[in-house]
PDB file of N, CA and C in Angstrom:
ATOM      1  N   MET A   1      -9.215 -75.687 -43.759  1.00  0.00           N
ATOM      2  CA  MET A   1      -8.259 -76.129 -44.761  1.00  0.00           C
ATOM      3  C   MET A   1      -8.462 -75.307 -46.028  1.00  0.00           C
ATOM      4  N   ILE A   2      -7.387 -75.044 -46.685  1.00  0.00           N
ATOM      5  CA  ILE A   2      -7.423 -74.266 -47.924  1.00  0.00           C
ATOM      6  C   ILE A   2      -8.025 -75.115 -49.050  1.00  0.00           C
ATOM      7  N   GLU A   3      -8.814 -74.494 -49.892  1.00  0.00           N
ATOM      8  CA  GLU A   3      -9.457 -75.189 -51.001  1.00  0.00           C
ATOM      9  C   GLU A   3      -8.767 -74.800 -52.306  1.00  0.00           C
ATOM     10  N   ARG A   4      -8.530 -75.790 -53.158  1.00  0.00           N
ATOM     11  CA  ARG A   4      -7.808 -75.558 -54.411  1.00  0.00           C
ATOM     12  C   ARG A   4      -8.440 -74.460 -55.281  1.00  0.00           C
ATOM     13  N   PRO A   5      -9.755 -74.484 -55.529  1.00  0.00           N
ATOM     14  CA  PRO A   5     -10.321 -73.449 -56.410  1.00  0.00           C
ATOM     15  C   PRO A   5     -10.115 -72.035 -55.865  1.00  0.00           C
ATOM     16  N   SER A   6     -10.285 -71.858 -54.575  1.00  0.00           N
ATOM     17  CA  SER A   6     -10.106 -70.530 -53.983  1.00  0.00           C
ATOM     18  C   SER A   6      -8.648 -70.099 -54.059  1.00  0.00           C
ATOM     19  N   ALA A   7      -7.748 -71.018 -53.724  1.00  0.00           N
ATOM     20  CA  ALA A   7      -6.325 -70.693 -53.769  1.00  0.00           C
ATOM     21  C   ALA A   7      -5.888 -70.373 -55.191  1.00  0.00           C
ATOM     22  N   ARG A   8      -6.360 -71.138 -56.156  1.00  0.00           N
ATOM     23  CA  ARG A   8      -6.007 -70.898 -57.561  1.00  0.00           C
ATOM     24  C   ARG A   8      -6.467 -69.507 -57.993  1.00  0.00           C
ATOM     25  N   LEU A   9      -7.664 -69.143 -57.617  1.00  0.00           N
ATOM     26  CA  LEU A   9      -8.203 -67.834 -57.966  1.00  0.00           C
ATOM     27  C   LEU A   9      -7.364 -66.721 -57.340  1.00  0.00           C
ATOM     28  N   ILE A  10      -7.071 -66.848 -56.061  1.00  0.00           N
ATOM     29  CA  ILE A  10      -6.348 -65.803 -55.339  1.00  0.00           C
ATOM     30  C   ILE A  10      -4.907 -65.672 -55.813  1.00  0.00           C
ATOM     31  N   LEU A  11      -4.232 -66.804 -56.022  1.00  0.00           N
ATOM     32  CA  LEU A  11      -2.805 -66.755 -56.311  1.00  0.00           C
ATOM     33  C   LEU A  11      -2.445 -66.752 -57.797  1.00  0.00           C
ATOM     34  N   LEU A  12      -3.209 -67.441 -58.610  1.00  0.00           N
ATOM     35  CA  LEU A  12      -2.805 -67.610 -59.994  1.00  0.00           C
ATOM     36  C   LEU A  12      -3.656 -66.862 -61.012  1.00  0.00           C
ATOM     37  N   GLU A  13      -4.923 -66.673 -60.731  1.00  0.00           N
ATOM     38  CA  GLU A  13      -5.807 -66.101 -61.729  1.00  0.00           C
ATOM     39  C   GLU A  13      -6.223 -64.671 -61.412  1.00  0.00           C
ATOM     40  N   ALA A  14      -5.708 -64.116 -60.352  1.00  0.00           N
ATOM     41  CA  ALA A  14      -6.115 -62.783 -59.911  1.00  0.00           C
ATOM     42  C   ALA A  14      -5.779 -61.698 -60.926  1.00  0.00           C
ATOM     43  N   VAL A  15      -4.713 -61.873 -61.666  1.00  0.00           N
ATOM     44  CA  VAL A  15      -4.290 -60.852 -62.629  1.00  0.00           C
ATOM     45  C   VAL A  15      -5.392 -60.556 -63.638  1.00  0.00           C
ATOM     46  N   SER A  16      -6.114 -61.577 -64.038  1.00  0.00           N
ATOM     47  CA  SER A  16      -7.159 -61.391 -65.045  1.00  0.00           C
ATOM     48  C   SER A  16      -8.418 -60.728 -64.496  1.00  0.00           C
ATOM     49  N   LEU A  17      -8.493 -60.541 -63.192  1.00  0.00           N
ATOM     50  CA  LEU A  17      -9.695 -59.972 -62.598  1.00  0.00           C
ATOM     51  C   LEU A  17      -9.670 -58.453 -62.497  1.00  0.00           C
ATOM     52  N   GLY A  18      -8.568 -57.842 -62.869  1.00  0.00           N
ATOM     53  CA  GLY A  18      -8.505 -56.390 -62.932  1.00  0.00           C
ATOM     54  C   GLY A  18      -7.924 -55.730 -61.700  1.00  0.00           C
ATOM     55  N   PRO A  19      -7.712 -54.425 -61.811  1.00  0.00           N
ATOM     56  CA  PRO A  19      -7.027 -53.680 -60.751  1.00  0.00           C
ATOM     57  C   PRO A  19      -7.804 -53.580 -59.440  1.00  0.00           C
ATOM     58  N   THR A  20      -9.117 -53.559 -59.491  1.00  0.00           N
ATOM     59  CA  THR A  20      -9.889 -53.470 -58.254  1.00  0.00           C
ATOM     60  C   THR A  20      -9.672 -54.718 -57.412  1.00  0.00           C
ATOM     61  N   TYR A  21      -9.763 -55.880 -58.047  1.00  0.00           N
ATOM     62  CA  TYR A  21      -9.534 -57.129 -57.324  1.00  0.00           C
ATOM     63  C   TYR A  21      -8.099 -57.202 -56.833  1.00  0.00           C
ATOM     64  N   GLN A  22      -7.160 -56.829 -57.696  1.00  0.00           N
ATOM     65  CA  GLN A  22      -5.749 -56.886 -57.323  1.00  0.00           C
ATOM     66  C   GLN A  22      -5.476 -55.982 -56.120  1.00  0.00           C
ATOM     67  N   SER A  23      -6.097 -54.831 -56.093  1.00  0.00           N
ATOM     68  CA  SER A  23      -5.931 -53.909 -54.978  1.00  0.00           C
ATOM     69  C   SER A  23      -6.462 -54.523 -53.684  1.00  0.00           C
ATOM     70  N   LYS A  24      -7.603 -55.154 -53.757  1.00  0.00           N
ATOM     71  CA  LYS A  24      -8.196 -55.792 -52.579  1.00  0.00           C
ATOM     72  C   LYS A  24      -7.339 -56.959 -52.113  1.00  0.00           C
ATOM     73  N   ARG A  25      -6.831 -57.763 -53.052  1.00  0.00           N
ATOM     74  CA  ARG A  25      -5.961 -58.881 -52.705  1.00  0.00           C
ATOM     75  C   ARG A  25      -4.699 -58.377 -52.017  1.00  0.00           C
ATOM     76  N   ALA A  26      -4.130 -57.295 -52.523  1.00  0.00           N
ATOM     77  CA  ALA A  26      -2.936 -56.720 -51.906  1.00  0.00           C
ATOM     78  C   ALA A  26      -3.232 -56.205 -50.505  1.00  0.00           C
ATOM     79  N   GLU A  27      -4.406 -55.621 -50.325  1.00  0.00           N
ATOM     80  CA  GLU A  27      -4.811 -55.133 -49.005  1.00  0.00           C
ATOM     81  C   GLU A  27      -4.900 -56.285 -48.003  1.00  0.00           C
ATOM     82  N   VAL A  28      -5.494 -57.381 -48.408  1.00  0.00           N
ATOM     83  CA  VAL A  28      -5.618 -58.548 -47.525  1.00  0.00           C
ATOM     84  C   VAL A  28      -4.231 -59.119 -47.224  1.00  0.00           C
ATOM     85  N   ALA A  29      -3.382 -59.220 -48.238  1.00  0.00           N
ATOM     86  CA  ALA A  29      -2.026 -59.726 -48.037  1.00  0.00           C
ATOM     87  C   ALA A  29      -1.250 -58.829 -47.078  1.00  0.00           C
ATOM     88  N   ASP A  30      -1.404 -57.530 -47.208  1.00  0.00           N
ATOM     89  CA  ASP A  30      -0.728 -56.592 -46.306  1.00  0.00           C
ATOM     90  C   ASP A  30      -1.216 -56.755 -44.867  1.00  0.00           C
ATOM     91  N   ARG A  31      -2.505 -56.979 -44.701  1.00  0.00           N
ATOM     92  CA  ARG A  31      -3.050 -57.184 -43.346  1.00  0.00           C
ATOM     93  C   ARG A  31      -2.498 -58.468 -42.735  1.00  0.00           C
ATOM     94  N   PHE A  32      -2.392 -59.519 -43.542  1.00  0.00           N
ATOM     95  CA  PHE A  32      -1.841 -60.781 -43.065  1.00  0.00           C
ATOM     96  C   PHE A  32      -0.366 -60.604 -42.695  1.00  0.00           C
ATOM     97  N   ALA A  33       0.369 -59.883 -43.544  1.00  0.00           N
ATOM     98  CA  ALA A  33       1.776 -59.614 -43.259  1.00  0.00           C
ATOM     99  C   ALA A  33       1.927 -58.811 -41.968  1.00  0.00           C
ATOM    100  N   ALA A  34       1.081 -57.825 -41.772  1.00  0.00           N
ATOM    101  CA  ALA A  34       1.138 -57.013 -40.545  1.00  0.00           C
ATOM    102  C   ALA A  34       0.873 -57.870 -39.314  1.00  0.00           C
ATOM    103  N   LEU A  35      -0.038 -58.811 -39.430  1.00  0.00           N
ATOM    104  CA  LEU A  35      -0.338 -59.714 -38.324  1.00  0.00           C
ATOM    105  C   LEU A  35       0.892 -60.558 -37.969  1.00  0.00           C
ATOM    106  N   ILE A  36       1.505 -61.157 -38.984  1.00  0.00           N
ATOM    107  CA  ILE A  36       2.699 -61.975 -38.759  1.00  0.00           C
ATOM    108  C   ILE A  36       3.812 -61.118 -38.166  1.00  0.00           C
ATOM    109  N   GLN A  37       4.053 -59.955 -38.762  1.00  0.00           N
ATOM    110  CA  GLN A  37       5.120 -59.096 -38.274  1.00  0.00           C
ATOM    111  C   GLN A  37       4.855 -58.655 -36.831  1.00  0.00           C
ATOM    112  N   GLY A  38       3.617 -58.396 -36.507  1.00  0.00           N
ATOM    113  CA  GLY A  38       3.277 -58.029 -35.136  1.00  0.00           C
ATOM    114  C   GLY A  38       3.644 -59.118 -34.144  1.00  0.00           C
ATOM    115  N   TYR A  39       3.337 -60.363 -34.486  1.00  0.00           N
ATOM    116  CA  TYR A  39       3.701 -61.473 -33.605  1.00  0.00           C
ATOM    117  C   TYR A  39       5.223 -61.617 -33.492  1.00  0.00           C
ATOM    118  N   LEU A  40       5.918 -61.444 -34.613  1.00  0.00           N
ATOM    119  CA  LEU A  40       7.375 -61.530 -34.561  1.00  0.00           C
ATOM    120  C   LEU A  40       7.958 -60.386 -33.733  1.00  0.00           C
ATOM    121  N   ASP A  41       7.412 -59.182 -33.897  1.00  0.00           N
ATOM    122  CA  ASP A  41       7.869 -58.041 -33.088  1.00  0.00           C
ATOM    123  C   ASP A  41       7.668 -58.311 -31.604  1.00  0.00           C
ATOM    124  N   GLU A  42       6.538 -58.881 -31.241  1.00  0.00           N
ATOM    125  CA  GLU A  42       6.268 -59.230 -29.839  1.00  0.00           C
ATOM    126  C   GLU A  42       7.273 -60.257 -29.337  1.00  0.00           C
ATOM    127  N   ALA A  43       7.574 -61.254 -30.160  1.00  0.00           N
ATOM    128  CA  ALA A  43       8.525 -62.289 -29.755  1.00  0.00           C
ATOM    129  C   ALA A  43       9.920 -61.704 -29.534  1.00  0.00           C
ATOM    130  N   VAL A  44      10.314 -60.750 -30.370  1.00  0.00           N
ATOM    131  CA  VAL A  44      11.595 -60.062 -30.173  1.00  0.00           C
ATOM    132  C   VAL A  44      11.542 -59.249 -28.888  1.00  0.00           C
ATOM    133  N   ALA A  45      10.469 -58.498 -28.702  1.00  0.00           N
ATOM    134  CA  ALA A  45      10.333 -57.611 -27.548  1.00  0.00           C
ATOM    135  C   ALA A  45      10.347 -58.378 -26.221  1.00  0.00           C
ATOM    136  N   ASP A  46       9.733 -59.564 -26.196  1.00  0.00           N
ATOM    137  CA  ASP A  46       9.701 -60.301 -24.928  1.00  0.00           C
ATOM    138  C   ASP A  46      10.872 -61.275 -24.777  1.00  0.00           C
ATOM    139  N   GLY A  47      11.795 -61.254 -25.728  1.00  0.00           N
ATOM    140  CA  GLY A  47      12.993 -62.077 -25.631  1.00  0.00           C
ATOM    141  C   GLY A  47      12.813 -63.520 -26.048  1.00  0.00           C
ATOM    142  N   SER A  48      11.665 -63.858 -26.632  1.00  0.00           N
ATOM    143  CA  SER A  48      11.440 -65.233 -27.088  1.00  0.00           C
ATOM    144  C   SER A  48      12.351 -65.596 -28.260  1.00  0.00           C
ATOM    145  N   ILE A  49      12.680 -64.612 -29.065  1.00  0.00           N
ATOM    146  CA  ILE A  49      13.612 -64.803 -30.180  1.00  0.00           C
ATOM    147  C   ILE A  49      14.605 -63.646 -30.174  1.00  0.00           C
ATOM    148  N   ALA A  50      15.759 -63.885 -30.767  1.00  0.00           N
ATOM    149  CA  ALA A  50      16.788 -62.847 -30.858  1.00  0.00           C
ATOM    150  C   ALA A  50      16.319 -61.736 -31.795  1.00  0.00           C
ATOM    151  N   PRO A  51      16.833 -60.529 -31.594  1.00  0.00           N
ATOM    152  CA  PRO A  51      16.465 -59.432 -32.494  1.00  0.00           C
ATOM    153  C   PRO A  51      16.752 -59.796 -33.958  1.00  0.00           C
ATOM    154  N   LEU A  52      15.835 -59.424 -34.814  1.00  0.00           N
ATOM    155  CA  LEU A  52      15.982 -59.664 -36.247  1.00  0.00           C
ATOM    156  C   LEU A  52      15.111 -58.677 -37.002  1.00  0.00           C
ATOM    157  N   ASP A  53      15.326 -58.618 -38.292  1.00  0.00           N
ATOM    158  CA  ASP A  53      14.507 -57.754 -39.144  1.00  0.00           C
ATOM    159  C   ASP A  53      13.180 -58.475 -39.377  1.00  0.00           C
ATOM    160  N   THR A  54      12.180 -58.120 -38.609  1.00  0.00           N
ATOM    161  CA  THR A  54      10.912 -58.842 -38.666  1.00  0.00           C
ATOM    162  C   THR A  54      10.182 -58.630 -39.990  1.00  0.00           C
ATOM    163  N   ARG A  55      10.425 -57.519 -40.650  1.00  0.00           N
ATOM    164  CA  ARG A  55       9.794 -57.298 -41.962  1.00  0.00           C
ATOM    165  C   ARG A  55      10.334 -58.297 -42.975  1.00  0.00           C
ATOM    166  N   VAL A  56      11.642 -58.481 -42.991  1.00  0.00           N
ATOM    167  CA  VAL A  56      12.253 -59.443 -43.914  1.00  0.00           C
ATOM    168  C   VAL A  56      11.793 -60.862 -43.576  1.00  0.00           C
ATOM    169  N   ALA A  57      11.787 -61.199 -42.280  1.00  0.00           N
ATOM    170  CA  ALA A  57      11.328 -62.528 -41.873  1.00  0.00           C
ATOM    171  C   ALA A  57       9.885 -62.756 -42.309  1.00  0.00           C
ATOM    172  N   THR A  58       9.044 -61.747 -42.137  1.00  0.00           N
ATOM    173  CA  THR A  58       7.640 -61.851 -42.545  1.00  0.00           C
ATOM    174  C   THR A  58       7.530 -62.125 -44.040  1.00  0.00           C
ATOM    175  N   LEU A  59       8.259 -61.382 -44.837  1.00  0.00           N
ATOM    176  CA  LEU A  59       8.195 -61.574 -46.289  1.00  0.00           C
ATOM    177  C   LEU A  59       8.721 -62.951 -46.691  1.00  0.00           C
ATOM    178  N   ALA A  60       9.775 -63.414 -46.009  1.00  0.00           N
ATOM    179  CA  ALA A  60      10.305 -64.746 -46.291  1.00  0.00           C
ATOM    180  C   ALA A  60       9.276 -65.818 -45.950  1.00  0.00           C
ATOM    181  N   TRP A  61       8.602 -65.648 -44.811  1.00  0.00           N
ATOM    182  CA  TRP A  61       7.564 -66.609 -44.415  1.00  0.00           C
ATOM    183  C   TRP A  61       6.437 -66.629 -45.439  1.00  0.00           C
ATOM    184  N   LEU A  62       5.990 -65.456 -45.839  1.00  0.00           N
ATOM    185  CA  LEU A  62       4.906 -65.394 -46.826  1.00  0.00           C
ATOM    186  C   LEU A  62       5.326 -66.027 -48.144  1.00  0.00           C
ATOM    187  N   GLY A  63       6.557 -65.795 -48.549  1.00  0.00           N
ATOM    188  CA  GLY A  63       7.061 -66.404 -49.778  1.00  0.00           C
ATOM    189  C   GLY A  63       7.096 -67.917 -49.692  1.00  0.00           C
ATOM    190  N   ALA A  64       7.508 -68.440 -48.543  1.00  0.00           N
ATOM    191  CA  ALA A  64       7.565 -69.894 -48.362  1.00  0.00           C
ATOM    192  C   ALA A  64       6.166 -70.509 -48.426  1.00  0.00           C
ATOM    193  N   VAL A  65       5.231 -69.903 -47.735  1.00  0.00           N
ATOM    194  CA  VAL A  65       3.854 -70.409 -47.747  1.00  0.00           C
ATOM    195  C   VAL A  65       3.277 -70.321 -49.161  1.00  0.00           C
ATOM    196  N   ASN A  66       3.513 -69.205 -49.818  1.00  0.00           N
ATOM    197  CA  ASN A  66       3.026 -69.012 -51.180  1.00  0.00           C
ATOM    198  C   ASN A  66       3.570 -70.097 -52.112  1.00  0.00           C
ATOM    199  N   GLU A  67       4.846 -70.396 -52.005  1.00  0.00           N
ATOM    200  CA  GLU A  67       5.450 -71.415 -52.873  1.00  0.00           C
ATOM    201  C   GLU A  67       4.860 -72.795 -52.616  1.00  0.00           C
ATOM    202  N   ILE A  68       4.637 -73.142 -51.363  1.00  0.00           N
ATOM    203  CA  ILE A  68       4.018 -74.437 -51.047  1.00  0.00           C
ATOM    204  C   ILE A  68       2.627 -74.520 -51.679  1.00  0.00           C
ATOM    205  N   VAL A  69       1.846 -73.462 -51.555  1.00  0.00           N
ATOM    206  CA  VAL A  69       0.494 -73.462 -52.118  1.00  0.00           C
ATOM    207  C   VAL A  69       0.548 -73.555 -53.645  1.00  0.00           C
ATOM    208  N   ILE A  70       1.439 -72.808 -54.264  1.00  0.00           N
ATOM    209  CA  ILE A  70       1.549 -72.859 -55.731  1.00  0.00           C
ATOM    210  C   ILE A  70       1.937 -74.251 -56.189  1.00  0.00           C
ATOM    211  N   ARG A  71       2.884 -74.883 -55.497  1.00  0.00           N
ATOM    212  CA  ARG A  71       3.282 -76.253 -55.871  1.00  0.00           C
ATOM    213  C   ARG A  71       2.114 -77.223 -55.705  1.00  0.00           C
ATOM    214  N   TRP A  72       1.313 -77.013 -54.696  1.00  0.00           N
ATOM    215  CA  TRP A  72       0.128 -77.853 -54.494  1.00  0.00           C
ATOM    216  C   TRP A  72      -0.866 -77.625 -55.630  1.00  0.00           C
ATOM    217  N   LEU A  73      -1.031 -76.369 -56.021  1.00  0.00           N
ATOM    218  CA  LEU A  73      -1.974 -76.060 -57.096  1.00  0.00           C
ATOM    219  C   LEU A  73      -1.544 -76.630 -58.438  1.00  0.00           C
ATOM    220  N   ASP A  74      -0.239 -76.621 -58.692  1.00  0.00           N
ATOM    221  CA  ASP A  74       0.207 -77.122 -60.003  1.00  0.00           C
ATOM    222  C   ASP A  74       0.362 -78.642 -60.032  1.00  0.00           C
ATOM    223  N   GLY A  75       0.083 -79.289 -58.900  1.00  0.00           N
ATOM    224  CA  GLY A  75       0.089 -80.747 -58.867  1.00  0.00           C
ATOM    225  C   GLY A  75       1.428 -81.365 -58.521  1.00  0.00           C
ATOM    226  N   SER A  76       2.461 -80.563 -58.317  1.00  0.00           N
ATOM    227  CA  SER A  76       3.762 -81.148 -57.986  1.00  0.00           C
ATOM    228  C   SER A  76       3.889 -81.461 -56.492  1.00  0.00           C
ATOM    229  N   LEU A  77       2.874 -81.114 -55.733  1.00  0.00           N
ATOM    230  CA  LEU A  77       2.803 -81.431 -54.302  1.00  0.00           C
ATOM    231  C   LEU A  77       1.407 -81.988 -54.045  1.00  0.00           C
ATOM    232  N   ASP A  78       1.339 -83.252 -53.683  1.00  0.00           N
ATOM    233  CA  ASP A  78       0.037 -83.913 -53.555  1.00  0.00           C
ATOM    234  C   ASP A  78      -0.725 -83.562 -52.288  1.00  0.00           C
ATOM    235  N   ASP A  79      -0.055 -83.584 -51.157  1.00  0.00           N
ATOM    236  CA  ASP A  79      -0.738 -83.471 -49.876  1.00  0.00           C
ATOM    237  C   ASP A  79      -0.330 -82.186 -49.166  1.00  0.00           C
ATOM    238  N   PHE A  80      -1.141 -81.158 -49.325  1.00  0.00           N
ATOM    239  CA  PHE A  80      -0.851 -79.860 -48.720  1.00  0.00           C
ATOM    240  C   PHE A  80      -0.711 -79.982 -47.207  1.00  0.00           C
ATOM    241  N   ALA A  81      -1.641 -80.652 -46.569  1.00  0.00           N
ATOM    242  CA  ALA A  81      -1.644 -80.761 -45.108  1.00  0.00           C
ATOM    243  C   ALA A  81      -0.388 -81.446 -44.584  1.00  0.00           C
ATOM    244  N   ALA A  82       0.156 -82.372 -45.346  1.00  0.00           N
ATOM    245  CA  ALA A  82       1.352 -83.097 -44.902  1.00  0.00           C
ATOM    246  C   ALA A  82       2.575 -82.195 -44.839  1.00  0.00           C
ATOM    247  N   THR A  83       2.557 -81.070 -45.533  1.00  0.00           N
ATOM    248  CA  THR A  83       3.710 -80.162 -45.518  1.00  0.00           C
ATOM    249  C   THR A  83       3.725 -79.249 -44.299  1.00  0.00           C
ATOM    250  N   ILE A  84       2.602 -79.121 -43.635  1.00  0.00           N
ATOM    251  CA  ILE A  84       2.485 -78.125 -42.556  1.00  0.00           C
ATOM    252  C   ILE A  84       3.472 -78.368 -41.410  1.00  0.00           C
ATOM    253  N   PRO A  85       3.629 -79.587 -40.884  1.00  0.00           N
ATOM    254  CA  PRO A  85       4.596 -79.760 -39.789  1.00  0.00           C
ATOM    255  C   PRO A  85       6.027 -79.391 -40.194  1.00  0.00           C
ATOM    256  N   ALA A  86       6.463 -79.840 -41.349  1.00  0.00           N
ATOM    257  CA  ALA A  86       7.830 -79.530 -41.793  1.00  0.00           C
ATOM    258  C   ALA A  86       7.992 -78.041 -42.062  1.00  0.00           C
ATOM    259  N   LEU A  87       7.012 -77.441 -42.702  1.00  0.00           N
ATOM    260  CA  LEU A  87       7.082 -76.008 -42.974  1.00  0.00           C
ATOM    261  C   LEU A  87       7.124 -75.214 -41.670  1.00  0.00           C
ATOM    262  N   THR A  88       6.323 -75.613 -40.705  1.00  0.00           N
ATOM    263  CA  THR A  88       6.316 -74.936 -39.408  1.00  0.00           C
ATOM    264  C   THR A  88       7.696 -74.997 -38.759  1.00  0.00           C
ATOM    265  N   ARG A  89       8.316 -76.170 -38.772  1.00  0.00           N
ATOM    266  CA  ARG A  89       9.663 -76.305 -38.192  1.00  0.00           C
ATOM    267  C   ARG A  89      10.668 -75.419 -38.917  1.00  0.00           C
ATOM    268  N   VAL A  90      10.621 -75.392 -40.227  1.00  0.00           N
ATOM    269  CA  VAL A  90      11.546 -74.566 -41.008  1.00  0.00           C
ATOM    270  C   VAL A  90      11.355 -73.087 -40.676  1.00  0.00           C
ATOM    271  N   LEU A  91      10.113 -72.642 -40.632  1.00  0.00           N
ATOM    272  CA  LEU A  91       9.846 -71.235 -40.348  1.00  0.00           C
ATOM    273  C   LEU A  91      10.296 -70.865 -38.936  1.00  0.00           C
ATOM    274  N   LEU A  92      10.007 -71.702 -37.977  1.00  0.00           N
ATOM    275  CA  LEU A  92      10.424 -71.408 -36.603  1.00  0.00           C
ATOM    276  C   LEU A  92      11.948 -71.404 -36.461  1.00  0.00           C
ATOM    277  N   ARG A  93      12.611 -72.338 -37.118  1.00  0.00           N
ATOM    278  CA  ARG A  93      14.080 -72.342 -37.087  1.00  0.00           C
ATOM    279  C   ARG A  93      14.653 -71.093 -37.737  1.00  0.00           C
ATOM    280  N   SER A  94      13.968 -70.595 -38.748  1.00  0.00           N
ATOM    281  CA  SER A  94      14.476 -69.420 -39.466  1.00  0.00           C
ATOM    282  C   SER A  94      14.563 -68.178 -38.581  1.00  0.00           C
ATOM    283  N   ILE A  95      13.818 -68.179 -37.488  1.00  0.00           N
ATOM    284  CA  ILE A  95      13.861 -67.050 -36.566  1.00  0.00           C
ATOM    285  C   ILE A  95      14.508 -67.421 -35.242  1.00  0.00           C
ATOM    286  N   GLY A  96      15.052 -68.629 -35.166  1.00  0.00           N
ATOM    287  CA  GLY A  96      15.727 -69.061 -33.955  1.00  0.00           C
ATOM    288  C   GLY A  96      14.797 -69.320 -32.796  1.00  0.00           C
ATOM    289  N   ALA A  97      13.565 -69.708 -33.087  1.00  0.00           N
ATOM    290  CA  ALA A  97      12.595 -69.959 -32.024  1.00  0.00           C
ATOM    291  C   ALA A  97      13.004 -71.183 -31.216  1.00  0.00           C
ATOM    292  N   ARG A  98      12.857 -71.097 -29.921  1.00  0.00           N
ATOM    293  CA  ARG A  98      13.159 -72.220 -29.036  1.00  0.00           C
ATOM    294  C   ARG A  98      12.203 -73.373 -29.304  1.00  0.00           C
ATOM    295  N   GLY A  99      12.726 -74.575 -29.221  1.00  0.00           N
ATOM    296  CA  GLY A  99      11.901 -75.757 -29.377  1.00  0.00           C
ATOM    297  C   GLY A  99      11.554 -76.072 -30.820  1.00  0.00           C
ATOM    298  N   ALA A 100      12.171 -75.361 -31.742  1.00  0.00           N
ATOM    299  CA  ALA A 100      11.862 -75.582 -33.163  1.00  0.00           C
ATOM    300  C   ALA A 100      12.699 -76.705 -33.735  1.00  0.00           C
TER     301      ALA A 100
END
Protein backbone atom coordinates (compact mmCIF):
# COMPACT_ATOMS: atom_id res chain seq x y z
CA MET A 1 0.00 0.00 0.00
CA ILE A 2 1.17 3.50 -0.76
CA GLU A 3 2.26 5.59 2.23
CA ARG A 4 1.29 9.26 2.52
CA PRO A 5 4.76 10.62 3.42
CA SER A 6 6.43 8.84 0.50
CA ALA A 7 3.72 9.84 -1.95
CA ARG A 8 3.82 13.46 -0.76
CA LEU A 9 7.58 13.57 -1.25
CA ILE A 10 7.47 12.01 -4.71
CA LEU A 11 4.49 13.92 -6.09
CA LEU A 12 4.33 17.24 -4.29
CA GLU A 13 7.67 18.11 -2.75
CA ALA A 14 10.06 16.80 -5.39
CA VAL A 15 10.55 20.21 -6.99
CA SER A 16 12.40 21.46 -3.93
CA LEU A 17 14.85 18.56 -4.03
CA GLY A 18 16.68 19.78 -7.12
CA PRO A 19 17.37 18.60 -10.65
CA THR A 20 19.16 15.38 -9.73
CA TYR A 21 16.16 14.09 -7.80
CA GLN A 22 13.76 15.35 -10.46
CA SER A 23 15.75 13.53 -13.13
CA LYS A 24 15.64 10.28 -11.16
CA ARG A 25 11.90 10.67 -10.51
CA ALA A 26 11.31 11.21 -14.23
CA GLU A 27 13.38 8.12 -15.03
CA VAL A 28 11.27 5.98 -12.68
CA ALA A 29 8.04 7.45 -14.09
CA ASP A 30 9.22 6.70 -17.63
CA ARG A 31 10.01 3.10 -16.68
CA PHE A 32 6.55 2.71 -15.15
CA ALA A 33 4.96 4.22 -18.25
CA ALA A 34 6.94 1.86 -20.49
CA LEU A 35 5.72 -1.09 -18.43
CA ILE A 36 2.07 -0.03 -18.76
CA GLN A 37 2.46 0.72 -22.46
CA GLY A 38 4.10 -2.66 -23.01
CA TYR A 39 1.13 -4.45 -21.48
CA LEU A 40 -1.29 -2.38 -23.54
CA ASP A 41 0.72 -3.10 -26.71
CA GLU A 42 0.55 -6.82 -25.93
CA ALA A 43 -3.21 -6.62 -25.38
CA VAL A 44 -3.63 -4.91 -28.77
CA ALA A 45 -1.32 -7.42 -30.46
CA ASP A 46 -3.16 -10.46 -29.10
CA GLY A 47 -6.59 -9.00 -29.84
CA SER A 48 -7.65 -8.60 -26.21
CA ILE A 49 -8.43 -4.94 -26.90
CA ALA A 50 -9.09 -3.00 -30.09
CA PRO A 51 -6.20 -1.08 -31.64
CA LEU A 52 -5.58 2.24 -29.92
CA ASP A 53 -2.84 4.75 -29.27
CA THR A 54 -1.25 2.99 -26.33
CA ARG A 55 1.03 5.93 -25.54
CA VAL A 56 -1.95 8.24 -25.06
CA ALA A 57 -3.80 5.59 -23.05
CA THR A 58 -0.73 5.12 -20.85
CA LEU A 59 -0.45 8.85 -20.16
CA ALA A 60 -4.18 9.07 -19.41
CA TRP A 61 -3.89 6.16 -16.97
CA LEU A 62 -0.91 7.73 -15.24
CA GLY A 63 -2.75 11.04 -15.00
CA ALA A 64 -5.79 9.38 -13.45
CA VAL A 65 -3.72 7.53 -10.86
CA ASN A 66 -1.72 10.68 -10.11
CA GLU A 67 -4.90 12.69 -9.53
CA ILE A 68 -6.34 10.09 -7.15
CA VAL A 69 -3.11 10.09 -5.13
CA ILE A 70 -2.95 13.90 -5.03
CA ARG A 71 -6.57 14.10 -3.84
CA TRP A 72 -5.75 11.56 -1.14
CA LEU A 73 -2.71 13.58 -0.10
CA ASP A 74 -4.61 16.85 0.15
CA GLY A 75 -7.29 15.22 2.29
CA SER A 76 -10.18 15.52 -0.15
CA LEU A 77 -10.18 11.73 -0.55
CA ASP A 78 -10.19 9.78 2.70
CA ASP A 79 -9.80 6.15 1.69
CA PHE A 80 -7.25 5.55 -1.05
CA ALA A 81 -7.80 1.79 -1.12
CA ALA A 82 -11.55 2.22 -1.59
CA THR A 83 -10.95 3.99 -4.92
CA ILE A 84 -9.01 1.12 -6.47
CA PRO A 85 -11.96 -1.03 -7.68
CA ALA A 86 -13.75 1.92 -9.30
CA LEU A 87 -10.55 3.30 -10.79
CA THR A 88 -9.69 -0.13 -12.19
CA ARG A 89 -13.10 -0.39 -13.88
CA VAL A 90 -12.77 3.11 -15.36
CA LEU A 91 -9.29 2.42 -16.71
CA LEU A 92 -10.26 -0.92 -18.21
CA ARG A 93 -13.36 0.58 -19.83
CA SER A 94 -11.23 3.35 -21.28
CA ILE A 95 -9.45 0.79 -23.43
CA GLY A 96 -12.49 -1.35 -24.17
CA ALA A 97 -11.25 -4.29 -22.14
CA ARG A 98 -13.63 -7.23 -21.98
CA GLY A 99 -15.30 -7.83 -18.65
CA ALA A 100 -14.68 -4.28 -17.49
